[in-house]
Amino acid sequence: MIKYQRSRALEILMNAAMVTACATILVAIMAYWMNHQGEDRRYLKNARIDRVNSQLKELYGPLLVLTETNERAWSEYYRRYILPAGYPDENPLPGPEEARWHIWVEAVFAPTAQKMKDLITARGDLIIEGELPLVVQQFCAHAATYDALLANWGGAGARKSTLIRHPGSDFLSYVRKSYRSLKAEHELLLTEAHENGRHELDQSAR
């Protein structure tokens, strides 16, 4: 009887040791898995922060500055020279007005449009959408026709305008909206990263 009890006790101890060992291994596996998952989440968040940083710094930030500058220049030109004269679209520009328009196109509007087109062409991979938006395509096509206008100014028609017209306020609205959206996401991502870092610091200090 005593021998049986000892054998039984030994069996119980061995089972308990096995359960403890299995539990330890399971806890270690779970800890590794959770740590790995956490590392993956941090990597993806950091990658997203880097992506948004690049979108703001290399595309939408400079594009917004150029677009706002171009819009301000056009609005001032329109207010000062076109509105008071009220030229009909079908009539040619009077000599002095055509000379002024030629200077502004050559010195202001065409170079700025070219810079924007070059920026979009060089960093098109940073466009928010999965494909190039139609309004951006329209603007780039418009910018590309400035060269033809300046090369053939005398034969460009009565209004001396580009073959493809500027998409208007839709392009400015797109750039503004995209920049604001990225800026808001950027601030949110940085706030989350800061909060997560502080939480991890608190955990490690315990």
N, C-alpha and C. Protein backbone atom coordinates (compact mmCIF):
# COMPACT_ATOMS: atom_id res chain seq x y z
N MET A 1 0.83 -1.20 0.00
CA MET A 1 0.00 0.00 0.00
C MET A 1 0.87 1.25 0.00
N ILE A 2 1.88 1.24 0.87
CA ILE A 2 2.78 2.39 0.96
C ILE A 2 3.52 2.57 -0.36
N LYS A 3 3.92 1.40 -0.93
CA LYS A 3 4.63 1.46 -2.20
C LYS A 3 3.75 2.06 -3.29
N TYR A 4 2.49 1.69 -3.28
CA TYR A 4 1.52 2.21 -4.26
C TYR A 4 1.34 3.72 -4.08
N GLN A 5 1.22 4.14 -2.84
CA GLN A 5 1.03 5.56 -2.55
C GLN A 5 2.23 6.38 -3.02
N ARG A 6 3.43 5.83 -2.78
CA ARG A 6 4.63 6.53 -3.23
C ARG A 6 4.66 6.63 -4.76
N SER A 7 4.31 5.52 -5.40
CA SER A 7 4.30 5.50 -6.87
C SER A 7 3.27 6.50 -7.41
N ARG A 8 2.13 6.51 -6.72
CA ARG A 8 1.07 7.45 -7.14
C ARG A 8 1.50 8.89 -6.94
N ALA A 9 2.14 9.17 -5.83
CA ALA A 9 2.61 10.52 -5.54
C ALA A 9 3.66 10.95 -6.56
N LEU A 10 4.56 9.99 -6.89
CA LEU A 10 5.58 10.29 -7.87
C LEU A 10 4.97 10.58 -9.24
N GLU A 11 3.92 9.81 -9.58
CA GLU A 11 3.23 10.02 -10.85
C GLU A 11 2.59 11.39 -10.89
N ILE A 12 1.98 11.78 -9.76
CA ILE A 12 1.33 13.09 -9.69
C ILE A 12 2.36 14.21 -9.85
N LEU A 13 3.51 14.03 -9.18
CA LEU A 13 4.57 15.04 -9.27
C LEU A 13 5.10 15.16 -10.69
N MET A 14 5.25 13.99 -11.35
CA MET A 14 5.74 14.01 -12.72
C MET A 14 4.74 14.69 -13.65
N ASN A 15 3.45 14.39 -13.43
CA ASN A 15 2.41 15.01 -14.25
C ASN A 15 2.39 16.52 -14.04
N ALA A 16 2.53 16.92 -12.76
CA ALA A 16 2.53 18.34 -12.44
C ALA A 16 3.73 19.03 -13.10
N ALA A 17 4.89 18.36 -13.05
CA ALA A 17 6.08 18.93 -13.66
C ALA A 17 5.91 19.07 -15.17
N MET A 18 5.26 18.04 -15.76
CA MET A 18 5.04 18.08 -17.20
C MET A 18 4.08 19.20 -17.57
N VAL A 19 3.02 19.35 -16.76
CA VAL A 19 2.05 20.42 -17.01
C VAL A 19 2.74 21.77 -16.89
N THR A 20 3.57 21.90 -15.84
CA THR A 20 4.29 23.17 -15.64
C THR A 20 5.22 23.46 -16.80
N ALA A 21 5.93 22.44 -17.27
CA ALA A 21 6.84 22.61 -18.40
C ALA A 21 6.08 23.00 -19.67
N CYS A 22 4.96 22.30 -19.88
CA CYS A 22 4.14 22.63 -21.07
C CYS A 22 3.60 24.05 -20.99
N ALA A 23 3.15 24.42 -19.79
CA ALA A 23 2.62 25.77 -19.59
C ALA A 23 3.71 26.81 -19.83
N THR A 24 4.90 26.51 -19.36
CA THR A 24 6.02 27.44 -19.56
C THR A 24 6.34 27.61 -21.03
N ILE A 25 6.35 26.48 -21.74
CA ILE A 25 6.62 26.52 -23.19
C ILE A 25 5.52 27.30 -23.91
N LEU A 26 4.26 27.03 -23.51
CA LEU A 26 3.13 27.72 -24.14
C LEU A 26 3.20 29.22 -23.90
N VAL A 27 3.52 29.61 -22.67
CA VAL A 27 3.64 31.03 -22.34
C VAL A 27 4.76 31.68 -23.16
N ALA A 28 5.87 30.95 -23.29
CA ALA A 28 6.99 31.47 -24.08
C ALA A 28 6.61 31.66 -25.54
N ILE A 29 5.87 30.66 -26.07
CA ILE A 29 5.42 30.75 -27.46
C ILE A 29 4.47 31.93 -27.65
N MET A 30 3.52 32.08 -26.71
CA MET A 30 2.57 33.17 -26.78
C MET A 30 3.27 34.52 -26.67
N ALA A 31 4.24 34.61 -25.78
CA ALA A 31 4.99 35.86 -25.62
C ALA A 31 5.75 36.21 -26.90
N TYR A 32 6.37 35.18 -27.49
CA TYR A 32 7.10 35.40 -28.74
C TYR A 32 6.16 35.85 -29.84
N TRP A 33 5.01 35.18 -29.93
CA TRP A 33 4.02 35.51 -30.97
C TRP A 33 3.51 36.93 -30.80
N MET A 34 3.19 37.29 -29.54
CA MET A 34 2.67 38.64 -29.29
C MET A 34 3.73 39.69 -29.57
N ASN A 35 4.96 39.40 -29.20
CA ASN A 35 6.06 40.33 -29.47
C ASN A 35 6.28 40.49 -30.97
N HIS A 36 6.19 39.35 -31.69
CA HIS A 36 6.36 39.38 -33.14
C HIS A 36 5.25 40.20 -33.79
N GLN A 37 4.01 39.99 -33.31
CA GLN A 37 2.88 40.75 -33.83
C GLN A 37 3.07 42.24 -33.56
N GLY A 38 3.55 42.55 -32.35
CA GLY A 38 3.79 43.95 -32.01
C GLY A 38 4.85 44.58 -32.90
N GLU A 39 5.91 43.81 -33.18
CA GLU A 39 6.96 44.30 -34.06
C GLU A 39 6.43 44.55 -35.46
N ASP A 40 5.58 43.65 -35.93
CA ASP A 40 4.98 43.82 -37.26
C ASP A 40 4.13 45.09 -37.32
N ARG A 41 3.33 45.30 -36.26
CA ARG A 41 2.48 46.49 -36.23
C ARG A 41 3.33 47.77 -36.20
N ARG A 42 4.40 47.74 -35.39
CA ARG A 42 5.29 48.92 -35.34
C ARG A 42 5.96 49.18 -36.68
N TYR A 43 6.38 48.09 -37.33
CA TYR A 43 7.02 48.24 -38.65
C TYR A 43 6.05 48.86 -39.66
N LEU A 44 4.81 48.35 -39.67
CA LEU A 44 3.82 48.87 -40.61
C LEU A 44 3.48 50.32 -40.33
N LYS A 45 3.37 50.67 -39.03
CA LYS A 45 3.07 52.06 -38.68
C LYS A 45 4.22 52.98 -39.06
N ASN A 46 5.45 52.54 -38.79
CA ASN A 46 6.60 53.36 -39.16
C ASN A 46 6.72 53.52 -40.67
N ALA A 47 6.39 52.43 -41.39
CA ALA A 47 6.42 52.50 -42.85
C ALA A 47 5.37 53.49 -43.36
N ARG A 48 4.21 53.49 -42.71
CA ARG A 48 3.15 54.41 -43.11
C ARG A 48 3.54 55.85 -42.80
N ILE A 49 4.16 56.07 -41.65
CA ILE A 49 4.63 57.41 -41.30
C ILE A 49 5.64 57.90 -42.33
N ASP A 50 6.58 57.03 -42.72
CA ASP A 50 7.58 57.39 -43.72
C ASP A 50 6.93 57.72 -45.06
N ARG A 51 5.92 56.93 -45.42
CA ARG A 51 5.23 57.16 -46.69
C ARG A 51 4.52 58.51 -46.70
N VAL A 52 3.80 58.81 -45.63
CA VAL A 52 3.08 60.08 -45.54
C VAL A 52 4.07 61.24 -45.51
N ASN A 53 5.17 61.07 -44.79
CA ASN A 53 6.22 62.09 -44.77
C ASN A 53 6.69 62.42 -46.18
N SER A 54 6.95 61.38 -46.95
CA SER A 54 7.43 61.57 -48.33
C SER A 54 6.37 62.24 -49.19
N GLN A 55 5.11 61.83 -49.02
CA GLN A 55 4.04 62.43 -49.80
C GLN A 55 3.91 63.93 -49.54
N LEU A 56 4.05 64.30 -48.26
CA LEU A 56 3.94 65.72 -47.89
C LEU A 56 5.16 66.51 -48.34
N LYS A 57 6.34 65.97 -48.07
CA LYS A 57 7.58 66.71 -48.30
C LYS A 57 7.97 66.77 -49.77
N GLU A 58 7.75 65.67 -50.49
CA GLU A 58 8.28 65.57 -51.85
C GLU A 58 7.26 65.83 -52.95
N LEU A 59 5.96 65.80 -52.61
CA LEU A 59 4.96 66.02 -53.66
C LEU A 59 3.91 67.06 -53.26
N TYR A 60 3.05 66.72 -52.31
CA TYR A 60 1.89 67.57 -52.07
C TYR A 60 2.24 68.91 -51.41
N GLY A 61 3.30 68.95 -50.59
CA GLY A 61 3.70 70.22 -49.99
C GLY A 61 4.19 71.20 -51.04
N PRO A 62 5.23 70.84 -51.82
CA PRO A 62 5.69 71.74 -52.89
C PRO A 62 4.60 72.04 -53.92
N LEU A 63 3.78 71.03 -54.23
CA LEU A 63 2.71 71.22 -55.21
C LEU A 63 1.70 72.25 -54.71
N LEU A 64 1.40 72.21 -53.42
CA LEU A 64 0.46 73.18 -52.85
C LEU A 64 1.02 74.59 -52.95
N VAL A 65 2.29 74.76 -52.62
CA VAL A 65 2.91 76.09 -52.70
C VAL A 65 2.85 76.63 -54.13
N LEU A 66 3.22 75.81 -55.09
CA LEU A 66 3.21 76.24 -56.49
C LEU A 66 1.80 76.53 -56.98
N THR A 67 0.84 75.69 -56.58
CA THR A 67 -0.55 75.87 -57.01
C THR A 67 -1.14 77.14 -56.43
N GLU A 68 -0.89 77.37 -55.14
CA GLU A 68 -1.41 78.58 -54.50
C GLU A 68 -0.76 79.83 -55.11
N THR A 69 0.53 79.74 -55.40
CA THR A 69 1.22 80.87 -56.02
C THR A 69 0.65 81.18 -57.40
N ASN A 70 0.45 80.13 -58.18
CA ASN A 70 -0.11 80.29 -59.52
C ASN A 70 -1.52 80.85 -59.46
N GLU A 71 -2.31 80.35 -58.51
CA GLU A 71 -3.69 80.83 -58.37
C GLU A 71 -3.72 82.30 -58.00
N ARG A 72 -2.85 82.70 -57.07
CA ARG A 72 -2.80 84.11 -56.67
C ARG A 72 -2.39 85.00 -57.84
N ALA A 73 -1.40 84.56 -58.60
CA ALA A 73 -0.95 85.35 -59.75
C ALA A 73 -2.05 85.48 -60.80
N TRP A 74 -2.73 84.35 -61.08
CA TRP A 74 -3.80 84.40 -62.08
C TRP A 74 -4.97 85.27 -61.61
N SER A 75 -5.36 85.14 -60.35
CA SER A 75 -6.47 85.94 -59.81
C SER A 75 -6.16 87.42 -59.89
N GLU A 76 -4.93 87.80 -59.59
CA GLU A 76 -4.54 89.22 -59.65
C GLU A 76 -4.52 89.71 -61.09
N TYR A 77 -3.99 88.88 -61.98
CA TYR A 77 -3.97 89.28 -63.40
C TYR A 77 -5.40 89.45 -63.92
N TYR A 78 -6.24 88.48 -63.58
CA TYR A 78 -7.64 88.53 -64.04
C TYR A 78 -8.35 89.76 -63.49
N ARG A 79 -8.15 90.05 -62.22
CA ARG A 79 -8.81 91.19 -61.57
C ARG A 79 -8.33 92.52 -62.15
N ARG A 80 -7.03 92.60 -62.41
CA ARG A 80 -6.45 93.88 -62.81
C ARG A 80 -6.60 94.16 -64.31
N TYR A 81 -6.50 93.11 -65.14
CA TYR A 81 -6.43 93.36 -66.58
C TYR A 81 -7.62 92.83 -67.38
N ILE A 82 -8.15 91.68 -67.01
CA ILE A 82 -9.21 91.08 -67.84
C ILE A 82 -10.58 91.62 -67.47
N LEU A 83 -10.89 91.67 -66.19
CA LEU A 83 -12.21 92.14 -65.78
C LEU A 83 -12.51 93.57 -66.25
N PRO A 84 -11.60 94.52 -66.07
CA PRO A 84 -11.92 95.88 -66.52
C PRO A 84 -12.15 95.98 -68.02
N ALA A 85 -11.41 95.19 -68.79
CA ALA A 85 -11.54 95.26 -70.25
C ALA A 85 -12.72 94.45 -70.76
N GLY A 86 -12.98 93.31 -70.12
CA GLY A 86 -14.11 92.46 -70.52
C GLY A 86 -14.01 91.97 -71.95
N TYR A 87 -12.84 91.46 -72.34
CA TYR A 87 -12.65 91.02 -73.72
C TYR A 87 -13.51 89.81 -74.04
N PRO A 88 -14.27 89.83 -75.13
CA PRO A 88 -15.00 88.63 -75.57
C PRO A 88 -14.01 87.56 -76.02
N ASP A 89 -14.38 86.32 -75.79
CA ASP A 89 -13.47 85.22 -76.12
C ASP A 89 -13.16 85.13 -77.60
N GLU A 90 -14.09 85.55 -78.45
CA GLU A 90 -13.87 85.34 -79.88
C GLU A 90 -13.04 86.45 -80.53
N ASN A 91 -12.83 87.54 -79.83
CA ASN A 91 -12.08 88.65 -80.40
C ASN A 91 -10.60 88.57 -80.05
N PRO A 92 -9.74 89.00 -80.95
CA PRO A 92 -8.31 89.01 -80.63
C PRO A 92 -7.98 90.06 -79.58
N LEU A 93 -6.92 89.81 -78.84
CA LEU A 93 -6.49 90.78 -77.84
C LEU A 93 -5.90 92.00 -78.53
N PRO A 94 -6.22 93.20 -78.03
CA PRO A 94 -5.56 94.39 -78.56
C PRO A 94 -4.05 94.29 -78.37
N GLY A 95 -3.29 94.99 -79.20
CA GLY A 95 -1.84 94.90 -79.21
C GLY A 95 -1.17 95.00 -77.84
N PRO A 96 -1.42 96.06 -77.06
CA PRO A 96 -0.75 96.18 -75.75
C PRO A 96 -1.13 95.05 -74.78
N GLU A 97 -2.41 94.64 -74.82
CA GLU A 97 -2.86 93.57 -73.94
C GLU A 97 -2.24 92.22 -74.35
N GLU A 98 -2.10 92.01 -75.65
CA GLU A 98 -1.47 90.76 -76.11
C GLU A 98 0.00 90.71 -75.69
N ALA A 99 0.68 91.85 -75.78
CA ALA A 99 2.08 91.91 -75.37
C ALA A 99 2.21 91.62 -73.87
N ARG A 100 1.30 92.19 -73.08
CA ARG A 100 1.33 91.95 -71.64
C ARG A 100 1.05 90.49 -71.33
N TRP A 101 0.04 89.94 -71.98
CA TRP A 101 -0.32 88.53 -71.76
C TRP A 101 0.83 87.61 -72.14
N HIS A 102 1.52 87.93 -73.24
CA HIS A 102 2.66 87.15 -73.69
C HIS A 102 3.74 87.12 -72.59
N ILE A 103 4.02 88.27 -72.01
CA ILE A 103 5.04 88.35 -70.96
C ILE A 103 4.64 87.51 -69.76
N TRP A 104 3.39 87.62 -69.35
CA TRP A 104 2.94 86.87 -68.16
C TRP A 104 2.94 85.36 -68.40
N VAL A 105 2.53 84.96 -69.59
CA VAL A 105 2.55 83.53 -69.92
C VAL A 105 3.98 83.01 -69.90
N GLU A 106 4.87 83.75 -70.55
CA GLU A 106 6.26 83.30 -70.69
C GLU A 106 7.03 83.35 -69.37
N ALA A 107 6.75 84.37 -68.55
CA ALA A 107 7.55 84.57 -67.34
C ALA A 107 6.92 83.99 -66.08
N VAL A 108 5.59 83.83 -66.06
CA VAL A 108 4.91 83.43 -64.83
C VAL A 108 4.15 82.11 -64.99
N PHE A 109 3.13 82.11 -65.83
CA PHE A 109 2.21 80.97 -65.87
C PHE A 109 2.85 79.70 -66.46
N ALA A 110 3.54 79.83 -67.57
CA ALA A 110 4.16 78.65 -68.18
C ALA A 110 5.26 78.03 -67.30
N PRO A 111 6.20 78.83 -66.75
CA PRO A 111 7.23 78.22 -65.89
C PRO A 111 6.66 77.55 -64.64
N THR A 112 5.66 78.18 -64.03
CA THR A 112 5.06 77.58 -62.83
C THR A 112 4.34 76.29 -63.16
N ALA A 113 3.60 76.30 -64.26
CA ALA A 113 2.91 75.08 -64.69
C ALA A 113 3.90 73.97 -65.01
N GLN A 114 5.01 74.33 -65.63
CA GLN A 114 6.04 73.35 -65.97
C GLN A 114 6.64 72.73 -64.70
N LYS A 115 6.89 73.56 -63.68
CA LYS A 115 7.42 73.06 -62.41
C LYS A 115 6.45 72.06 -61.78
N MET A 116 5.16 72.38 -61.82
CA MET A 116 4.17 71.48 -61.24
C MET A 116 4.09 70.17 -62.01
N LYS A 117 4.12 70.27 -63.33
CA LYS A 117 4.08 69.06 -64.16
C LYS A 117 5.31 68.19 -63.92
N ASP A 118 6.48 68.83 -63.83
CA ASP A 118 7.71 68.09 -63.58
C ASP A 118 7.67 67.40 -62.22
N LEU A 119 7.12 68.10 -61.25
CA LEU A 119 7.01 67.53 -59.90
C LEU A 119 6.11 66.31 -59.90
N ILE A 120 4.97 66.41 -60.56
CA ILE A 120 4.04 65.28 -60.63
C ILE A 120 4.65 64.12 -61.41
N THR A 121 5.35 64.44 -62.48
CA THR A 121 5.99 63.40 -63.29
C THR A 121 7.07 62.66 -62.51
N ALA A 122 7.88 63.44 -61.77
CA ALA A 122 8.99 62.84 -61.03
C ALA A 122 8.52 62.04 -59.82
N ARG A 123 7.46 62.49 -59.15
CA ARG A 123 7.02 61.84 -57.92
C ARG A 123 5.58 61.34 -58.02
N GLY A 124 5.22 60.88 -59.19
CA GLY A 124 3.88 60.34 -59.38
C GLY A 124 3.60 59.12 -58.52
N ASP A 125 4.67 58.43 -58.08
CA ASP A 125 4.50 57.26 -57.22
C ASP A 125 3.94 57.62 -55.85
N LEU A 126 3.98 58.91 -55.50
CA LEU A 126 3.47 59.36 -54.20
C LEU A 126 2.03 59.85 -54.25
N ILE A 127 1.41 59.76 -55.43
CA ILE A 127 0.00 60.15 -55.54
C ILE A 127 -0.83 59.31 -54.58
N ILE A 128 -1.77 59.94 -53.88
CA ILE A 128 -2.59 59.25 -52.88
C ILE A 128 -3.40 58.13 -53.52
N GLU A 129 -4.01 58.43 -54.64
CA GLU A 129 -4.89 57.46 -55.28
C GLU A 129 -4.10 56.34 -55.95
N GLY A 130 -4.79 55.27 -56.26
CA GLY A 130 -4.15 54.14 -56.92
C GLY A 130 -3.76 54.43 -58.35
N GLU A 131 -4.40 55.43 -58.95
CA GLU A 131 -4.06 55.83 -60.31
C GLU A 131 -4.13 57.35 -60.40
N LEU A 132 -3.55 57.92 -61.44
CA LEU A 132 -3.49 59.37 -61.57
C LEU A 132 -4.90 59.93 -61.76
N PRO A 133 -5.33 60.82 -60.86
CA PRO A 133 -6.69 61.38 -60.98
C PRO A 133 -6.86 62.15 -62.29
N LEU A 134 -8.09 62.17 -62.78
CA LEU A 134 -8.38 62.82 -64.06
C LEU A 134 -8.01 64.29 -64.02
N VAL A 135 -8.30 64.98 -62.93
CA VAL A 135 -8.01 66.41 -62.85
C VAL A 135 -6.51 66.67 -62.92
N VAL A 136 -5.70 65.75 -62.40
CA VAL A 136 -4.24 65.89 -62.48
C VAL A 136 -3.78 65.64 -63.91
N GLN A 137 -4.37 64.64 -64.56
CA GLN A 137 -4.06 64.39 -65.97
C GLN A 137 -4.37 65.61 -66.82
N GLN A 138 -5.53 66.23 -66.55
CA GLN A 138 -5.94 67.41 -67.32
C GLN A 138 -4.96 68.56 -67.12
N PHE A 139 -4.53 68.74 -65.88
CA PHE A 139 -3.59 69.82 -65.62
C PHE A 139 -2.26 69.57 -66.33
N CYS A 140 -1.73 68.36 -66.24
CA CYS A 140 -0.45 68.04 -66.89
C CYS A 140 -0.54 68.22 -68.40
N ALA A 141 -1.66 67.85 -68.98
CA ALA A 141 -1.84 68.04 -70.42
C ALA A 141 -1.88 69.53 -70.76
N HIS A 142 -2.55 70.30 -69.92
CA HIS A 142 -2.59 71.76 -70.10
C HIS A 142 -1.18 72.34 -70.03
N ALA A 143 -0.41 71.95 -69.01
CA ALA A 143 0.95 72.48 -68.84
C ALA A 143 1.83 72.13 -70.03
N ALA A 144 1.63 70.95 -70.60
CA ALA A 144 2.46 70.51 -71.72
C ALA A 144 2.22 71.35 -72.97
N THR A 145 1.04 71.95 -73.09
CA THR A 145 0.73 72.71 -74.31
C THR A 145 1.25 74.14 -74.27
N TYR A 146 1.81 74.57 -73.14
CA TYR A 146 2.39 75.91 -73.09
C TYR A 146 3.55 76.07 -74.07
N ASP A 147 4.35 75.01 -74.22
CA ASP A 147 5.49 75.08 -75.14
C ASP A 147 5.01 75.35 -76.56
N ALA A 148 3.95 74.67 -76.95
CA ALA A 148 3.42 74.87 -78.30
C ALA A 148 2.87 76.29 -78.47
N LEU A 149 2.21 76.80 -77.43
CA LEU A 149 1.66 78.15 -77.49
C LEU A 149 2.78 79.17 -77.68
N LEU A 150 3.83 79.06 -76.89
CA LEU A 150 4.92 80.03 -76.97
C LEU A 150 5.71 79.89 -78.26
N ALA A 151 5.83 78.66 -78.78
CA ALA A 151 6.57 78.44 -80.02
C ALA A 151 5.82 78.97 -81.24
N ASN A 152 4.50 79.03 -81.15
CA ASN A 152 3.68 79.47 -82.29
C ASN A 152 2.72 80.56 -81.83
N TRP A 153 3.24 81.56 -81.18
CA TRP A 153 2.40 82.61 -80.60
C TRP A 153 1.54 83.31 -81.66
N GLY A 154 2.15 83.61 -82.78
CA GLY A 154 1.42 84.34 -83.82
C GLY A 154 0.27 83.54 -84.42
N GLY A 155 0.39 82.21 -84.43
CA GLY A 155 -0.66 81.40 -85.02
C GLY A 155 -1.53 80.69 -84.00
N ALA A 156 -1.51 81.18 -82.79
CA ALA A 156 -2.22 80.49 -81.70
C ALA A 156 -3.69 80.84 -81.59
N GLY A 157 -4.19 81.68 -82.47
CA GLY A 157 -5.61 82.04 -82.39
C GLY A 157 -5.80 83.39 -81.71
N ALA A 158 -7.06 83.81 -81.71
CA ALA A 158 -7.38 85.15 -81.23
C ALA A 158 -7.02 85.36 -79.77
N ARG A 159 -7.30 84.37 -78.93
CA ARG A 159 -7.15 84.55 -77.49
C ARG A 159 -5.77 84.17 -76.98
N LYS A 160 -4.93 83.62 -77.85
CA LYS A 160 -3.58 83.23 -77.44
C LYS A 160 -3.60 82.36 -76.18
N SER A 161 -4.44 81.32 -76.24
CA SER A 161 -4.56 80.42 -75.09
C SER A 161 -4.04 79.04 -75.45
N THR A 162 -3.78 78.23 -74.44
CA THR A 162 -3.28 76.87 -74.67
C THR A 162 -4.36 76.01 -75.33
N LEU A 163 -3.93 75.01 -76.07
CA LEU A 163 -4.87 74.12 -76.75
C LEU A 163 -5.75 73.39 -75.74
N ILE A 164 -5.17 72.97 -74.63
CA ILE A 164 -5.91 72.30 -73.56
C ILE A 164 -6.03 73.27 -72.39
N ARG A 165 -7.25 73.57 -71.99
CA ARG A 165 -7.47 74.57 -70.96
C ARG A 165 -7.14 74.04 -69.57
N HIS A 166 -6.82 74.97 -68.71
CA HIS A 166 -6.57 74.64 -67.30
C HIS A 166 -7.86 74.08 -66.68
N PRO A 167 -7.77 73.01 -65.86
CA PRO A 167 -8.99 72.43 -65.27
C PRO A 167 -9.68 73.33 -64.25
N GLY A 168 -9.10 74.49 -63.98
CA GLY A 168 -9.77 75.45 -63.11
C GLY A 168 -9.66 75.13 -61.63
N SER A 169 -10.69 75.53 -60.89
CA SER A 169 -10.65 75.40 -59.43
C SER A 169 -10.63 73.94 -58.97
N ASP A 170 -11.01 73.01 -59.83
CA ASP A 170 -11.01 71.59 -59.44
C ASP A 170 -9.60 71.12 -59.09
N PHE A 171 -8.60 71.62 -59.82
CA PHE A 171 -7.22 71.20 -59.55
C PHE A 171 -6.73 71.76 -58.23
N LEU A 172 -6.99 73.03 -57.99
CA LEU A 172 -6.60 73.64 -56.72
C LEU A 172 -7.31 72.94 -55.56
N SER A 173 -8.58 72.64 -55.72
CA SER A 173 -9.34 71.95 -54.66
C SER A 173 -8.75 70.57 -54.38
N TYR A 174 -8.36 69.87 -55.44
CA TYR A 174 -7.76 68.55 -55.26
C TYR A 174 -6.46 68.63 -54.45
N VAL A 175 -5.60 69.58 -54.82
CA VAL A 175 -4.31 69.70 -54.13
C VAL A 175 -4.52 70.09 -52.67
N ARG A 176 -5.40 71.04 -52.43
CA ARG A 176 -5.67 71.48 -51.05
C ARG A 176 -6.24 70.34 -50.21
N LYS A 177 -7.22 69.66 -50.76
CA LYS A 177 -7.86 68.56 -50.03
C LYS A 177 -6.87 67.44 -49.73
N SER A 178 -6.05 67.09 -50.70
CA SER A 178 -5.07 66.01 -50.52
C SER A 178 -4.05 66.38 -49.46
N TYR A 179 -3.59 67.62 -49.49
CA TYR A 179 -2.60 68.07 -48.51
C TYR A 179 -3.19 68.05 -47.10
N ARG A 180 -4.41 68.57 -46.95
CA ARG A 180 -5.05 68.58 -45.62
C ARG A 180 -5.27 67.17 -45.11
N SER A 181 -5.68 66.26 -45.98
CA SER A 181 -5.92 64.88 -45.58
C SER A 181 -4.63 64.21 -45.10
N LEU A 182 -3.55 64.40 -45.84
CA LEU A 182 -2.27 63.82 -45.45
C LEU A 182 -1.74 64.44 -44.17
N LYS A 183 -1.92 65.75 -44.02
CA LYS A 183 -1.44 66.43 -42.82
C LYS A 183 -2.17 65.91 -41.59
N ALA A 184 -3.49 65.71 -41.70
CA ALA A 184 -4.26 65.19 -40.58
C ALA A 184 -3.84 63.77 -40.24
N GLU A 185 -3.64 62.94 -41.26
CA GLU A 185 -3.20 61.56 -41.02
C GLU A 185 -1.81 61.54 -40.38
N HIS A 186 -0.94 62.42 -40.84
CA HIS A 186 0.42 62.50 -40.31
C HIS A 186 0.40 62.83 -38.81
N GLU A 187 -0.40 63.80 -38.44
CA GLU A 187 -0.49 64.18 -37.02
C GLU A 187 -1.07 63.05 -36.19
N LEU A 188 -2.07 62.35 -36.72
CA LEU A 188 -2.67 61.23 -36.00
C LEU A 188 -1.66 60.10 -35.80
N LEU A 189 -0.91 59.77 -36.86
CA LEU A 189 0.09 58.71 -36.76
C LEU A 189 1.18 59.05 -35.75
N LEU A 190 1.62 60.29 -35.73
CA LEU A 190 2.65 60.70 -34.77
C LEU A 190 2.12 60.66 -33.34
N THR A 191 0.86 61.05 -33.16
CA THR A 191 0.26 61.00 -31.82
C THR A 191 0.17 59.55 -31.34
N GLU A 192 -0.28 58.65 -32.21
CA GLU A 192 -0.37 57.24 -31.85
C GLU A 192 1.00 56.66 -31.54
N ALA A 193 2.00 57.02 -32.34
CA ALA A 193 3.36 56.51 -32.10
C ALA A 193 3.90 57.01 -30.77
N HIS A 194 3.61 58.26 -30.43
CA HIS A 194 4.05 58.83 -29.16
C HIS A 194 3.38 58.13 -27.99
N GLU A 195 2.06 57.91 -28.11
CA GLU A 195 1.32 57.24 -27.04
C GLU A 195 1.79 55.80 -26.85
N ASN A 196 2.02 55.10 -27.95
CA ASN A 196 2.50 53.71 -27.87
C ASN A 196 3.90 53.65 -27.24
N GLY A 197 4.75 54.59 -27.63
CA GLY A 197 6.10 54.61 -27.06
C GLY A 197 6.07 54.89 -25.57
N ARG A 198 5.19 55.78 -25.13
CA ARG A 198 5.09 56.08 -23.70
C ARG A 198 4.53 54.90 -22.93
N HIS A 199 3.58 54.18 -23.55
CA HIS A 199 3.00 53.00 -22.90
C HIS A 199 4.06 51.91 -22.74
N GLU A 200 4.85 51.68 -23.78
CA GLU A 200 5.90 50.66 -23.72
C GLU A 200 6.96 51.03 -22.68
N LEU A 201 7.25 52.31 -22.54
CA LEU A 201 8.22 52.77 -21.55
C LEU A 201 7.69 52.52 -20.14
N ASP A 202 6.40 52.78 -19.96
CA ASP A 202 5.78 52.54 -18.65
C ASP A 202 5.82 51.05 -18.31
N GLN A 203 5.53 50.22 -19.30
CA GLN A 203 5.53 48.78 -19.09
C GLN A 203 6.92 48.26 -18.72
N SER A 204 7.95 48.78 -19.39
CA SER A 204 9.31 48.30 -19.12
C SER A 204 9.82 48.77 -17.78
N ALA A 205 9.24 49.85 -17.25
CA ALA A 205 9.70 50.38 -15.97
C ALA A 205 9.11 49.62 -14.78
N ARG A 206 8.11 48.80 -15.03
CA ARG A 206 7.46 48.07 -13.95
C ARG A 206 8.24 46.82 -13.56
